[in-house]
């Protein structure tokens, strides 16, 4: 086994984790904007959203563990747990640390969804947007594959889809609020 294997595992797992976070956010937006509303929505559609988030967590764990195992840049526990502590690109690594915490918060809140007040769950789950942007910034500034056209165009496409669906979601929510009847004064 070559000594670069951990570096390749770190790169690959980071790219896959990034793609899974993007897919989970996009799928969540598709479900929440009711783009699929006229069709029956089987339970597997929500299960797919949950699975994408869970797989993203798993690949983040592989990404961080392989960075710790790699000998090229020394990453200790503090480097991957505390933002701006790493000697190697502290700002970009901080985006990754922030994204990890936000992803974990979204996942834990989803697992506890039935035990949390809906408003709390929703607020924590909205941090997925910030997680997506932090992952994107981490990949664009700390990642070594940013020059790869496939990575670059995949990231640009994911950003465009998230922006379009987010704008659509806000527009749909505003329109539905205007259509709601105003309750009569008592």
Foldseek 3Di string as FASTA:
>chain_A
DDLCPLVVLLQVLLLLLLVLLLVLLLLVLCVLLCVVVVPDDDPVSVVVSLVSLVVSLVSLVSNVVSQCSRDPAHDDPCQQQPQQPGPQPRPLSNLVNVLNVLSVQLNVCVVCVVVDDVVVNVVSNVCSVVSSVSSLSSCCPVNPCCPPPVSVVVSVVSVVSSVVSVVSSVVSVVVVVVVDDDDDDD
